[in-house]
PDB file of all heavy atoms in Angstrom:
ATOM      1  N   LEU A   1       0.782  -1.239  -0.004  1.00  0.00           N
ATOM      2  CA  LEU A   1      -0.025  -0.005  -0.012  1.00  0.00           C
ATOM      3  C   LEU A   1       0.856   1.254  -0.001  1.00  0.00           C
ATOM      4  O   LEU A   1       0.350   2.341  -0.326  1.00  0.00           O
ATOM      5  CB  LEU A   1      -0.907   0.015   1.252  1.00  0.00           C
ATOM      6  CG  LEU A   1      -2.056  -0.986   1.253  1.00  0.00           C
ATOM      7  CD1 LEU A   1      -2.721  -0.944   2.626  1.00  0.00           C
ATOM      8  CD2 LEU A   1      -3.014  -0.667   0.140  1.00  0.00           C
ATOM      9  N   VAL A   2       2.125   1.169   0.338  1.00  0.00           N
ATOM     10  CA  VAL A   2       2.946   2.355   0.485  1.00  0.00           C
ATOM     11  C   VAL A   2       3.417   2.822  -0.889  1.00  0.00           C
ATOM     12  O   VAL A   2       3.706   2.002  -1.753  1.00  0.00           O
ATOM     13  CB  VAL A   2       4.172   1.986   1.386  1.00  0.00           C
ATOM     14  CG1 VAL A   2       5.176   3.117   1.399  1.00  0.00           C
ATOM     15  CG2 VAL A   2       3.686   1.687   2.775  1.00  0.00           C
ATOM     16  N   THR A   3       3.506   4.110  -1.010  1.00  0.00           N
ATOM     17  CA  THR A   3       3.993   4.712  -2.257  1.00  0.00           C
ATOM     18  C   THR A   3       5.483   5.073  -2.102  1.00  0.00           C
ATOM     19  O   THR A   3       6.027   5.090  -1.040  1.00  0.00           O
ATOM     20  CB  THR A   3       3.243   5.979  -2.571  1.00  0.00           C
ATOM     21  OG1 THR A   3       3.541   6.971  -1.593  1.00  0.00           O
ATOM     22  CG2 THR A   3       1.739   5.747  -2.644  1.00  0.00           C
ATOM     23  N   LYS A   4       6.113   5.360  -3.238  1.00  0.00           N
ATOM     24  CA  LYS A   4       7.521   5.774  -3.173  1.00  0.00           C
ATOM     25  C   LYS A   4       7.714   7.066  -2.416  1.00  0.00           C
ATOM     26  O   LYS A   4       8.775   7.352  -1.881  1.00  0.00           O
ATOM     27  CB  LYS A   4       8.076   5.946  -4.604  1.00  0.00           C
ATOM     28  CG  LYS A   4       8.322   4.636  -5.329  1.00  0.00           C
ATOM     29  CD  LYS A   4       8.946   4.909  -6.665  1.00  0.00           C
ATOM     30  CE  LYS A   4       9.239   3.601  -7.376  1.00  0.00           C
ATOM     31  NZ  LYS A   4       9.879   3.828  -8.640  1.00  0.00           N
ATOM     32  N   SER A   5       6.681   7.884  -2.308  1.00  0.00           N
ATOM     33  CA  SER A   5       6.793   9.183  -1.666  1.00  0.00           C
ATOM     34  C   SER A   5       6.303   9.202  -0.230  1.00  0.00           C
ATOM     35  O   SER A   5       6.248  10.322   0.365  1.00  0.00           O
ATOM     36  CB  SER A   5       6.070  10.247  -2.491  1.00  0.00           C
ATOM     37  OG  SER A   5       4.698   9.900  -2.532  1.00  0.00           O
ATOM     38  N   HIS A   6       6.030   8.085   0.385  1.00  0.00           N
ATOM     39  CA  HIS A   6       5.446   8.108   1.729  1.00  0.00           C
ATOM     40  C   HIS A   6       6.354   8.666   2.789  1.00  0.00           C
ATOM     41  O   HIS A   6       5.920   9.061   3.862  1.00  0.00           O
ATOM     42  CB  HIS A   6       4.853   6.768   2.121  1.00  0.00           C
ATOM     43  CG  HIS A   6       5.895   5.757   2.542  1.00  0.00           C
ATOM     44  ND1 HIS A   6       6.647   5.062   1.624  1.00  0.00           N
ATOM     45  CD2 HIS A   6       6.258   5.362   3.771  1.00  0.00           C
ATOM     46  CE1 HIS A   6       7.477   4.281   2.287  1.00  0.00           C
ATOM     47  NE2 HIS A   6       7.250   4.394   3.555  1.00  0.00           N
ATOM     48  N   HIS A   7       7.665   8.742   2.542  1.00  0.00           N
ATOM     49  CA  HIS A   7       8.604   9.285   3.518  1.00  0.00           C
ATOM     50  C   HIS A   7       9.037  10.676   3.145  1.00  0.00           C
ATOM     51  O   HIS A   7       9.892  11.287   3.773  1.00  0.00           O
ATOM     52  CB  HIS A   7       9.878   8.408   3.638  1.00  0.00           C
ATOM     53  CG  HIS A   7       9.629   7.132   4.419  1.00  0.00           C
ATOM     54  ND1 HIS A   7       9.283   7.158   5.732  1.00  0.00           N
ATOM     55  CD2 HIS A   7       9.723   5.843   4.045  1.00  0.00           C
ATOM     56  CE1 HIS A   7       9.131   5.890   6.141  1.00  0.00           C
ATOM     57  NE2 HIS A   7       9.405   5.071   5.157  1.00  0.00           N
ATOM     58  N   GLU A   8       8.443  11.240   2.112  1.00  0.00           N
ATOM     59  CA  GLU A   8       8.829  12.601   1.628  1.00  0.00           C
ATOM     60  C   GLU A   8       8.321  13.664   2.606  1.00  0.00           C
ATOM     61  O   GLU A   8       7.348  13.415   3.348  1.00  0.00           O
ATOM     62  CB  GLU A   8       8.239  12.862   0.258  1.00  0.00           C
ATOM     63  CG  GLU A   8       8.782  11.929  -0.807  1.00  0.00           C
ATOM     64  CD  GLU A   8      10.233  12.177  -1.150  1.00  0.00           C
ATOM     65  OE1 GLU A   8      10.691  13.335  -1.055  1.00  0.00           O
ATOM     66  OE2 GLU A   8      10.924  11.203  -1.491  1.00  0.00           O
ATOM     67  N   PRO A   9       8.935  14.821   2.637  1.00  0.00           N
ATOM     68  CA  PRO A   9       8.476  15.932   3.501  1.00  0.00           C
ATOM     69  C   PRO A   9       7.030  16.342   3.162  1.00  0.00           C
ATOM     70  O   PRO A   9       6.513  16.011   2.089  1.00  0.00           O
ATOM     71  CB  PRO A   9       9.440  17.069   3.174  1.00  0.00           C
ATOM     72  CG  PRO A   9      10.602  16.457   2.480  1.00  0.00           C
ATOM     73  CD  PRO A   9      10.127  15.185   1.846  1.00  0.00           C
ATOM     74  N   ASP A  10       6.393  17.024   4.075  1.00  0.00           N
ATOM     75  CA  ASP A  10       5.023  17.407   3.934  1.00  0.00           C
ATOM     76  C   ASP A  10       4.697  18.259   2.709  1.00  0.00           C
ATOM     77  O   ASP A  10       3.584  18.276   2.241  1.00  0.00           O
ATOM     78  CB  ASP A  10       4.516  18.175   5.181  1.00  0.00           C
ATOM     79  CG  ASP A  10       4.338  17.250   6.373  1.00  0.00           C
ATOM     80  OD1 ASP A  10       4.184  16.053   6.137  1.00  0.00           O
ATOM     81  OD2 ASP A  10       4.345  17.757   7.523  1.00  0.00           O
ATOM     82  N   ASP A  11       5.676  18.980   2.204  1.00  0.00           N
ATOM     83  CA  ASP A  11       5.391  19.838   1.058  1.00  0.00           C
ATOM     84  C   ASP A  11       5.217  19.048  -0.253  1.00  0.00           C
ATOM     85  O   ASP A  11       4.768  19.545  -1.249  1.00  0.00           O
ATOM     86  CB  ASP A  11       6.496  20.928   0.870  1.00  0.00           C
ATOM     87  CG  ASP A  11       7.859  20.342   0.677  1.00  0.00           C
ATOM     88  OD1 ASP A  11       8.100  19.213   1.108  1.00  0.00           O
ATOM     89  OD2 ASP A  11       8.727  21.085   0.125  1.00  0.00           O
ATOM     90  N   ILE A  12       5.582  17.773  -0.201  1.00  0.00           N
ATOM     91  CA  ILE A  12       5.296  16.913  -1.356  1.00  0.00           C
ATOM     92  C   ILE A  12       3.864  16.417  -1.210  1.00  0.00           C
ATOM     93  O   ILE A  12       3.407  16.125  -0.109  1.00  0.00           O
ATOM     94  CB  ILE A  12       6.263  15.670  -1.342  1.00  0.00           C
ATOM     95  CG1 ILE A  12       7.719  16.149  -1.332  1.00  0.00           C
ATOM     96  CG2 ILE A  12       5.982  14.757  -2.500  1.00  0.00           C
ATOM     97  CD1 ILE A  12       8.178  16.791  -2.616  1.00  0.00           C
ATOM     98  N   SER A  13       3.190  16.252  -2.317  1.00  0.00           N
ATOM     99  CA  SER A  13       1.785  15.880  -2.267  1.00  0.00           C
ATOM    100  C   SER A  13       1.643  14.409  -1.837  1.00  0.00           C
ATOM    101  O   SER A  13       2.011  13.530  -2.568  1.00  0.00           O
ATOM    102  CB  SER A  13       1.146  16.098  -3.636  1.00  0.00           C
ATOM    103  OG  SER A  13      -0.176  15.622  -3.630  1.00  0.00           O
ATOM    104  N   ILE A  14       1.065  14.209  -0.681  1.00  0.00           N
ATOM    105  CA  ILE A  14       0.796  12.865  -0.145  1.00  0.00           C
ATOM    106  C   ILE A  14      -0.681  12.883   0.293  1.00  0.00           C
ATOM    107  O   ILE A  14      -1.136  13.783   0.933  1.00  0.00           O
ATOM    108  CB  ILE A  14       1.670  12.512   1.046  1.00  0.00           C
ATOM    109  CG1 ILE A  14       3.126  12.488   0.614  1.00  0.00           C
ATOM    110  CG2 ILE A  14       1.292  11.170   1.666  1.00  0.00           C
ATOM    111  CD1 ILE A  14       4.116  12.295   1.744  1.00  0.00           C
ATOM    112  N   ASP A  15      -1.367  11.835  -0.068  1.00  0.00           N
ATOM    113  CA  ASP A  15      -2.792  11.748   0.291  1.00  0.00           C
ATOM    114  C   ASP A  15      -2.856  11.211   1.764  1.00  0.00           C
ATOM    115  O   ASP A  15      -3.132  10.045   1.966  1.00  0.00           O
ATOM    116  CB  ASP A  15      -3.543  10.878  -0.684  1.00  0.00           C
ATOM    117  CG  ASP A  15      -5.072  10.925  -0.469  1.00  0.00           C
ATOM    118  OD1 ASP A  15      -5.508  11.503   0.544  1.00  0.00           O
ATOM    119  OD2 ASP A  15      -5.777  10.327  -1.271  1.00  0.00           O
ATOM    120  N   ARG A  16      -2.688  12.074   2.718  1.00  0.00           N
ATOM    121  CA  ARG A  16      -2.677  11.671   4.128  1.00  0.00           C
ATOM    122  C   ARG A  16      -4.065  11.240   4.567  1.00  0.00           C
ATOM    123  O   ARG A  16      -4.229  10.350   5.392  1.00  0.00           O
ATOM    124  CB  ARG A  16      -2.151  12.771   5.029  1.00  0.00           C
ATOM    125  CG  ARG A  16      -0.691  13.066   4.737  1.00  0.00           C
ATOM    126  CD  ARG A  16      -0.045  13.889   5.864  1.00  0.00           C
ATOM    127  NE  ARG A  16       1.291  14.230   5.507  1.00  0.00           N
ATOM    128  CZ  ARG A  16       2.341  13.417   5.610  1.00  0.00           C
ATOM    129  NH1 ARG A  16       2.183  12.198   6.052  1.00  0.00           N
ATOM    130  NH2 ARG A  16       3.576  13.814   5.274  1.00  0.00           N
ATOM    131  N   GLU A  17      -5.127  11.850   4.038  1.00  0.00           N
ATOM    132  CA  GLU A  17      -6.470  11.484   4.352  1.00  0.00           C
ATOM    133  C   GLU A  17      -6.786  10.075   3.951  1.00  0.00           C
ATOM    134  O   GLU A  17      -7.352   9.281   4.702  1.00  0.00           O
ATOM    135  CB  GLU A  17      -7.493  12.454   3.792  1.00  0.00           C
ATOM    136  CG  GLU A  17      -8.926  12.161   4.109  1.00  0.00           C
ATOM    137  CD  GLU A  17      -9.228  12.139   5.648  1.00  0.00           C
ATOM    138  OE1 GLU A  17      -8.544  12.794   6.413  1.00  0.00           O
ATOM    139  OE2 GLU A  17     -10.159  11.397   6.009  1.00  0.00           O
ATOM    140  N   ASN A  18      -6.358   9.714   2.764  1.00  0.00           N
ATOM    141  CA  ASN A  18      -6.589   8.358   2.285  1.00  0.00           C
ATOM    142  C   ASN A  18      -5.792   7.348   3.142  1.00  0.00           C
ATOM    143  O   ASN A  18      -6.310   6.289   3.485  1.00  0.00           O
ATOM    144  CB  ASN A  18      -6.147   8.227   0.849  1.00  0.00           C
ATOM    145  CG  ASN A  18      -6.557   6.896   0.233  1.00  0.00           C
ATOM    146  OD1 ASN A  18      -7.642   6.383   0.560  1.00  0.00           O
ATOM    147  ND2 ASN A  18      -5.754   6.351  -0.651  1.00  0.00           N
ATOM    148  N   THR A  19      -4.556   7.692   3.497  1.00  0.00           N
ATOM    149  CA  THR A  19      -3.781   6.838   4.390  1.00  0.00           C
ATOM    150  C   THR A  19      -4.443   6.696   5.755  1.00  0.00           C
ATOM    151  O   THR A  19      -4.524   5.585   6.285  1.00  0.00           O
ATOM    152  CB  THR A  19      -2.339   7.430   4.536  1.00  0.00           C
ATOM    153  OG1 THR A  19      -1.759   7.552   3.284  1.00  0.00           O
ATOM    154  CG2 THR A  19      -1.519   6.509   5.442  1.00  0.00           C
ATOM    155  N   ARG A  20      -4.955   7.779   6.283  1.00  0.00           N
ATOM    156  CA  ARG A  20      -5.675   7.723   7.580  1.00  0.00           C
ATOM    157  C   ARG A  20      -6.899   6.787   7.468  1.00  0.00           C
ATOM    158  O   ARG A  20      -7.148   5.959   8.345  1.00  0.00           O
ATOM    159  CB  ARG A  20      -6.079   9.102   8.019  1.00  0.00           C
ATOM    160  CG  ARG A  20      -6.689   9.137   9.461  1.00  0.00           C
ATOM    161  CD  ARG A  20      -7.254  10.528   9.781  1.00  0.00           C
ATOM    162  NE  ARG A  20      -8.447  10.830   9.039  1.00  0.00           N
ATOM    163  CZ  ARG A  20      -9.644  10.280   9.256  1.00  0.00           C
ATOM    164  NH1 ARG A  20      -9.818   9.404  10.195  1.00  0.00           N
ATOM    165  NH2 ARG A  20     -10.688  10.618   8.507  1.00  0.00           N
ATOM    166  N   ARG A  21      -7.677   6.929   6.402  1.00  0.00           N
ATOM    167  CA  ARG A  21      -8.860   6.082   6.201  1.00  0.00           C
ATOM    168  C   ARG A  21      -8.485   4.613   6.114  1.00  0.00           C
ATOM    169  O   ARG A  21      -9.159   3.763   6.672  1.00  0.00           O
ATOM    170  CB  ARG A  21      -9.614   6.519   4.931  1.00  0.00           C
ATOM    171  CG  ARG A  21     -10.535   7.703   5.132  1.00  0.00           C
ATOM    172  CD  ARG A  21     -11.532   7.844   3.984  1.00  0.00           C
ATOM    173  NE  ARG A  21     -10.906   7.849   2.670  1.00  0.00           N
ATOM    174  CZ  ARG A  21     -10.405   8.919   2.024  1.00  0.00           C
ATOM    175  NH1 ARG A  21     -10.446  10.059   2.661  1.00  0.00           N
ATOM    176  NH2 ARG A  21      -9.893   8.775   0.838  1.00  0.00           N
ATOM    177  N   MET A  22      -7.366   4.308   5.409  1.00  0.00           N
ATOM    178  CA  MET A  22      -6.926   2.916   5.321  1.00  0.00           C
ATOM    179  C   MET A  22      -6.554   2.348   6.672  1.00  0.00           C
ATOM    180  O   MET A  22      -6.828   1.213   6.983  1.00  0.00           O
ATOM    181  CB  MET A  22      -5.720   2.798   4.349  1.00  0.00           C
ATOM    182  CG  MET A  22      -6.086   2.861   2.910  1.00  0.00           C
ATOM    183  SD  MET A  22      -4.702   2.424   1.821  1.00  0.00           S
ATOM    184  CE  MET A  22      -3.564   3.755   2.160  1.00  0.00           C
ATOM    185  N   SER A  23      -5.952   3.191   7.508  1.00  0.00           N
ATOM    186  CA  SER A  23      -5.538   2.708   8.820  1.00  0.00           C
ATOM    187  C   SER A  23      -6.737   2.527   9.798  1.00  0.00           C
ATOM    188  O   SER A  23      -6.585   1.795  10.776  1.00  0.00           O
ATOM    189  CB  SER A  23      -4.512   3.678   9.476  1.00  0.00           C
ATOM    190  OG  SER A  23      -5.117   4.875   9.836  1.00  0.00           O
ATOM    191  N   LEU A  24      -7.854   3.153   9.494  1.00  0.00           N
ATOM    192  CA  LEU A  24      -9.044   3.060  10.353  1.00  0.00           C
ATOM    193  C   LEU A  24     -10.143   2.159   9.814  1.00  0.00           C
ATOM    194  O   LEU A  24     -11.095   1.897  10.529  1.00  0.00           O
ATOM    195  CB  LEU A  24      -9.609   4.460  10.618  1.00  0.00           C
ATOM    196  CG  LEU A  24      -8.654   5.417  11.321  1.00  0.00           C
ATOM    197  CD1 LEU A  24      -9.296   6.796  11.427  1.00  0.00           C
ATOM    198  CD2 LEU A  24      -8.293   4.912  12.703  1.00  0.00           C
ATOM    199  N   CYS A  25     -10.050   1.714   8.545  1.00  0.00           N
ATOM    200  CA  CYS A  25     -11.133   0.920   8.025  1.00  0.00           C
ATOM    201  C   CYS A  25     -11.218  -0.407   8.731  1.00  0.00           C
ATOM    202  O   CYS A  25     -10.254  -0.900   9.314  1.00  0.00           O
ATOM    203  CB  CYS A  25     -10.948   0.725   6.503  1.00  0.00           C
ATOM    204  SG  CYS A  25      -9.637  -0.408   6.014  1.00  0.00           S
ATOM    205  N   LYS A  26     -12.411  -1.009   8.709  1.00  0.00           N
ATOM    206  CA  LYS A  26     -12.627  -2.228   9.509  1.00  0.00           C
ATOM    207  C   LYS A  26     -11.767  -3.417   9.140  1.00  0.00           C
ATOM    208  O   LYS A  26     -11.450  -4.243   9.887  1.00  0.00           O
ATOM    209  CB  LYS A  26     -14.128  -2.625   9.515  1.00  0.00           C
ATOM    210  CG  LYS A  26     -14.614  -3.078   8.156  1.00  0.00           C
ATOM    211  CD  LYS A  26     -16.100  -3.481   8.235  1.00  0.00           C
ATOM    212  CE  LYS A  26     -16.544  -3.997   6.864  1.00  0.00           C
ATOM    213  NZ  LYS A  26     -17.925  -4.422   6.851  1.00  0.00           N
ATOM    214  N   GLU A  27     -11.303  -3.427   7.842  1.00  0.00           N
ATOM    215  CA  GLU A  27     -10.463  -4.527   7.381  1.00  0.00           C
ATOM    216  C   GLU A  27      -9.048  -4.468   8.022  1.00  0.00           C
ATOM    217  O   GLU A  27      -8.359  -5.480   8.064  1.00  0.00           O
ATOM    218  CB  GLU A  27     -10.321  -4.541   5.843  1.00  0.00           C
ATOM    219  CG  GLU A  27     -11.584  -4.999   5.135  1.00  0.00           C
ATOM    220  CD  GLU A  27     -12.618  -3.891   4.979  1.00  0.00           C
ATOM    221  OE1 GLU A  27     -12.278  -2.717   5.250  1.00  0.00           O
ATOM    222  OE2 GLU A  27     -13.764  -4.222   4.651  1.00  0.00           O
ATOM    223  N   SER A  28      -8.632  -3.294   8.435  1.00  0.00           N
ATOM    224  CA  SER A  28      -7.285  -3.188   8.996  1.00  0.00           C
ATOM    225  C   SER A  28      -7.296  -3.057  10.484  1.00  0.00           C
ATOM    226  O   SER A  28      -6.278  -2.821  11.095  1.00  0.00           O
ATOM    227  CB  SER A  28      -6.539  -2.011   8.360  1.00  0.00           C
ATOM    228  OG  SER A  28      -7.246  -0.797   8.547  1.00  0.00           O
ATOM    229  N   VAL A  29      -8.461  -3.196  11.122  1.00  0.00           N
ATOM    230  CA  VAL A  29      -8.572  -3.166  12.560  1.00  0.00           C
ATOM    231  C   VAL A  29      -8.747  -4.585  13.095  1.00  0.00           C
ATOM    232  O   VAL A  29      -9.558  -5.367  12.574  1.00  0.00           O
ATOM    233  CB  VAL A  29      -9.752  -2.236  13.027  1.00  0.00           C
ATOM    234  CG1 VAL A  29      -9.960  -2.319  14.495  1.00  0.00           C
ATOM    235  CG2 VAL A  29      -9.514  -0.843  12.591  1.00  0.00           C
ATOM    236  N   ASN A  30      -7.959  -4.951  14.116  1.00  0.00           N
ATOM    237  CA  ASN A  30      -8.081  -6.281  14.721  1.00  0.00           C
ATOM    238  C   ASN A  30      -9.458  -6.437  15.309  1.00  0.00           C
ATOM    239  O   ASN A  30      -9.872  -5.601  16.129  1.00  0.00           O
ATOM    240  CB  ASN A  30      -6.997  -6.418  15.760  1.00  0.00           C
ATOM    241  CG  ASN A  30      -6.938  -7.808  16.365  1.00  0.00           C
ATOM    242  OD1 ASN A  30      -7.945  -8.283  16.888  1.00  0.00           O
ATOM    243  ND2 ASN A  30      -5.805  -8.439  16.285  1.00  0.00           N
ATOM    244  N   PRO A  31     -10.198  -7.509  14.941  1.00  0.00           N
ATOM    245  CA  PRO A  31     -11.582  -7.657  15.409  1.00  0.00           C
ATOM    246  C   PRO A  31     -11.672  -7.934  16.936  1.00  0.00           C
ATOM    247  O   PRO A  31     -12.688  -7.699  17.503  1.00  0.00           O
ATOM    248  CB  PRO A  31     -12.105  -8.842  14.605  1.00  0.00           C
ATOM    249  CG  PRO A  31     -10.888  -9.575  14.142  1.00  0.00           C
ATOM    250  CD  PRO A  31      -9.806  -8.547  13.988  1.00  0.00           C
ATOM    251  N   TRP A  32     -10.559  -8.407  17.556  1.00  0.00           N
ATOM    252  CA  TRP A  32     -10.650  -8.701  18.956  1.00  0.00           C
ATOM    253  C   TRP A  32     -10.179  -7.570  19.821  1.00  0.00           C
ATOM    254  O   TRP A  32     -10.697  -7.334  20.884  1.00  0.00           O
ATOM    255  CB  TRP A  32      -9.785  -9.946  19.261  1.00  0.00           C
ATOM    256  CG  TRP A  32     -10.309 -11.157  18.574  1.00  0.00           C
ATOM    257  CD1 TRP A  32     -11.410 -11.929  18.937  1.00  0.00           C
ATOM    258  CD2 TRP A  32      -9.877 -11.713  17.344  1.00  0.00           C
ATOM    259  NE1 TRP A  32     -11.625 -12.914  18.045  1.00  0.00           N
ATOM    260  CE2 TRP A  32     -10.705 -12.802  17.063  1.00  0.00           C
ATOM    261  CE3 TRP A  32      -8.836 -11.388  16.468  1.00  0.00           C
ATOM    262  CZ2 TRP A  32     -10.524 -13.613  15.910  1.00  0.00           C
ATOM    263  CZ3 TRP A  32      -8.663 -12.174  15.363  1.00  0.00           C
ATOM    264  CH2 TRP A  32      -9.502 -13.268  15.069  1.00  0.00           C
ATOM    265  N   THR A  33      -9.192  -6.813  19.366  1.00  0.00           N
ATOM    266  CA  THR A  33      -8.650  -5.745  20.189  1.00  0.00           C
ATOM    267  C   THR A  33      -9.122  -4.356  19.744  1.00  0.00           C
ATOM    268  O   THR A  33      -8.987  -3.411  20.505  1.00  0.00           O
ATOM    269  CB  THR A  33      -7.092  -5.733  20.128  1.00  0.00           C
ATOM    270  OG1 THR A  33      -6.683  -5.415  18.802  1.00  0.00           O
ATOM    271  CG2 THR A  33      -6.530  -7.082  20.593  1.00  0.00           C
ATOM    272  N   GLY A  34      -9.589  -4.250  18.495  1.00  0.00           N
ATOM    273  CA  GLY A  34      -9.958  -2.955  17.998  1.00  0.00           C
ATOM    274  C   GLY A  34      -8.780  -2.088  17.563  1.00  0.00           C
ATOM    275  O   GLY A  34      -8.928  -0.929  17.147  1.00  0.00           O
ATOM    276  N   ALA A  35      -7.589  -2.621  17.714  1.00  0.00           N
ATOM    277  CA  ALA A  35      -6.376  -1.862  17.382  1.00  0.00           C
ATOM    278  C   ALA A  35      -6.102  -1.921  15.909  1.00  0.00           C
ATOM    279  O   ALA A  35      -6.317  -2.935  15.253  1.00  0.00           O
ATOM    280  CB  ALA A  35      -5.187  -2.434  18.174  1.00  0.00           C
ATOM    281  N   SER A  36      -5.565  -0.859  15.357  1.00  0.00           N
ATOM    282  CA  SER A  36      -5.210  -0.802  13.942  1.00  0.00           C
ATOM    283  C   SER A  36      -4.064  -1.742  13.702  1.00  0.00           C
ATOM    284  O   SER A  36      -3.078  -1.755  14.462  1.00  0.00           O
ATOM    285  CB  SER A  36      -4.798   0.613  13.542  1.00  0.00           C
ATOM    286  OG  SER A  36      -4.239   0.614  12.239  1.00  0.00           O
ATOM    287  N   GLN A  37      -4.199  -2.546  12.648  1.00  0.00           N
ATOM    288  CA  GLN A  37      -3.069  -3.424  12.254  1.00  0.00           C
ATOM    289  C   GLN A  37      -2.261  -2.765  11.127  1.00  0.00           C
ATOM    290  O   GLN A  37      -1.267  -3.287  10.688  1.00  0.00           O
ATOM    291  CB  GLN A  37      -3.652  -4.765  11.789  1.00  0.00           C
ATOM    292  CG  GLN A  37      -4.274  -5.526  12.890  1.00  0.00           C
ATOM    293  CD  GLN A  37      -4.903  -6.800  12.410  1.00  0.00           C
ATOM    294  OE1 GLN A  37      -5.252  -6.997  11.274  1.00  0.00           O
ATOM    295  NE2 GLN A  37      -5.007  -7.775  13.339  1.00  0.00           N
ATOM    296  N   PHE A  38      -2.712  -1.619  10.667  1.00  0.00           N
ATOM    297  CA  PHE A  38      -2.021  -0.923   9.574  1.00  0.00           C
ATOM    298  C   PHE A  38      -0.788  -0.235  10.085  1.00  0.00           C
ATOM    299  O   PHE A  38       0.272  -0.291   9.466  1.00  0.00           O
ATOM    300  CB  PHE A  38      -2.958   0.099   8.948  1.00  0.00           C
ATOM    301  CG  PHE A  38      -2.386   0.795   7.758  1.00  0.00           C
ATOM    302  CD1 PHE A  38      -2.264   0.108   6.535  1.00  0.00           C
ATOM    303  CD2 PHE A  38      -1.948   2.076   7.817  1.00  0.00           C
ATOM    304  CE1 PHE A  38      -1.739   0.711   5.441  1.00  0.00           C
ATOM    305  CE2 PHE A  38      -1.421   2.715   6.701  1.00  0.00           C
ATOM    306  CZ  PHE A  38      -1.340   2.025   5.510  1.00  0.00           C
ATOM    307  N   LEU A  39      -0.859   0.387  11.238  1.00  0.00           N
ATOM    308  CA  LEU A  39       0.309   1.077  11.817  1.00  0.00           C
ATOM    309  C   LEU A  39       0.429   0.636  13.275  1.00  0.00           C
ATOM    310  O   LEU A  39      -0.409   0.903  14.071  1.00  0.00           O
ATOM    311  CB  LEU A  39       0.100   2.601  11.800  1.00  0.00           C
ATOM    312  CG  LEU A  39      -0.002   3.243  10.375  1.00  0.00           C
ATOM    313  CD1 LEU A  39      -0.398   4.688  10.521  1.00  0.00           C
ATOM    314  CD2 LEU A  39       1.303   3.080   9.641  1.00  0.00           C
ATOM    315  N   PRO A  40       1.560  -0.068  13.629  1.00  0.00           N
ATOM    316  CA  PRO A  40       1.719  -0.464  15.015  1.00  0.00           C
ATOM    317  C   PRO A  40       1.909   0.768  15.911  1.00  0.00           C
ATOM    318  O   PRO A  40       2.530   1.730  15.501  1.00  0.00           O
ATOM    319  CB  PRO A  40       2.976  -1.332  15.007  1.00  0.00           C
ATOM    320  CG  PRO A  40       3.665  -0.938  13.798  1.00  0.00           C
ATOM    321  CD  PRO A  40       2.675  -0.457  12.801  1.00  0.00           C
ATOM    322  N   THR A  41       1.275   0.756  17.024  1.00  0.00           N
ATOM    323  CA  THR A  41       1.364   1.917  17.901  1.00  0.00           C
ATOM    324  C   THR A  41       2.670   1.950  18.690  1.00  0.00           C
ATOM    325  O   THR A  41       3.250   0.922  18.986  1.00  0.00           O
ATOM    326  CB  THR A  41       0.191   1.925  18.881  1.00  0.00           C
ATOM    327  OG1 THR A  41       0.322   0.809  19.733  1.00  0.00           O
ATOM    328  CG2 THR A  41      -1.159   1.900  18.177  1.00  0.00           C
ATOM    329  N   THR A  42       3.085   3.123  19.014  1.00  0.00           N
ATOM    330  CA  THR A  42       4.273   3.311  19.846  1.00  0.00           C
ATOM    331  C   THR A  42       4.081   2.602  21.147  1.00  0.00           C
ATOM    332  O   THR A  42       5.002   1.983  21.700  1.00  0.00           O
ATOM    333  CB  THR A  42       4.532   4.816  20.064  1.00  0.00           C
ATOM    334  OG1 THR A  42       4.667   5.443  18.792  1.00  0.00           O
ATOM    335  CG2 THR A  42       5.806   5.031  20.878  1.00  0.00           C
ATOM    336  N   ASN A  43       2.892   2.664  21.699  1.00  0.00           N
ATOM    337  CA  ASN A  43       2.613   2.007  22.992  1.00  0.00           C
ATOM    338  C   ASN A  43       2.892   0.500  22.908  1.00  0.00           C
ATOM    339  O   ASN A  43       3.477  -0.050  23.836  1.00  0.00           O
ATOM    340  CB  ASN A  43       1.168   2.292  23.381  1.00  0.00           C
ATOM    341  CG  ASN A  43       0.923   1.890  24.809  1.00  0.00           C
ATOM    342  OD1 ASN A  43       1.808   1.988  25.661  1.00  0.00           O
ATOM    343  ND2 ASN A  43      -0.322   1.492  25.123  1.00  0.00           N
TER     344      ASN A  43
END
């Protein structure tokens, strides 16, 4: 799912809203814990 530009600075056009939606959609959330499986949390 990652693009070549996902590590680029903010002034480069990155669809952050789309990335946020992917990380919160029900397919990427663990059904037992409710935690996102798209991005591991710092915690």
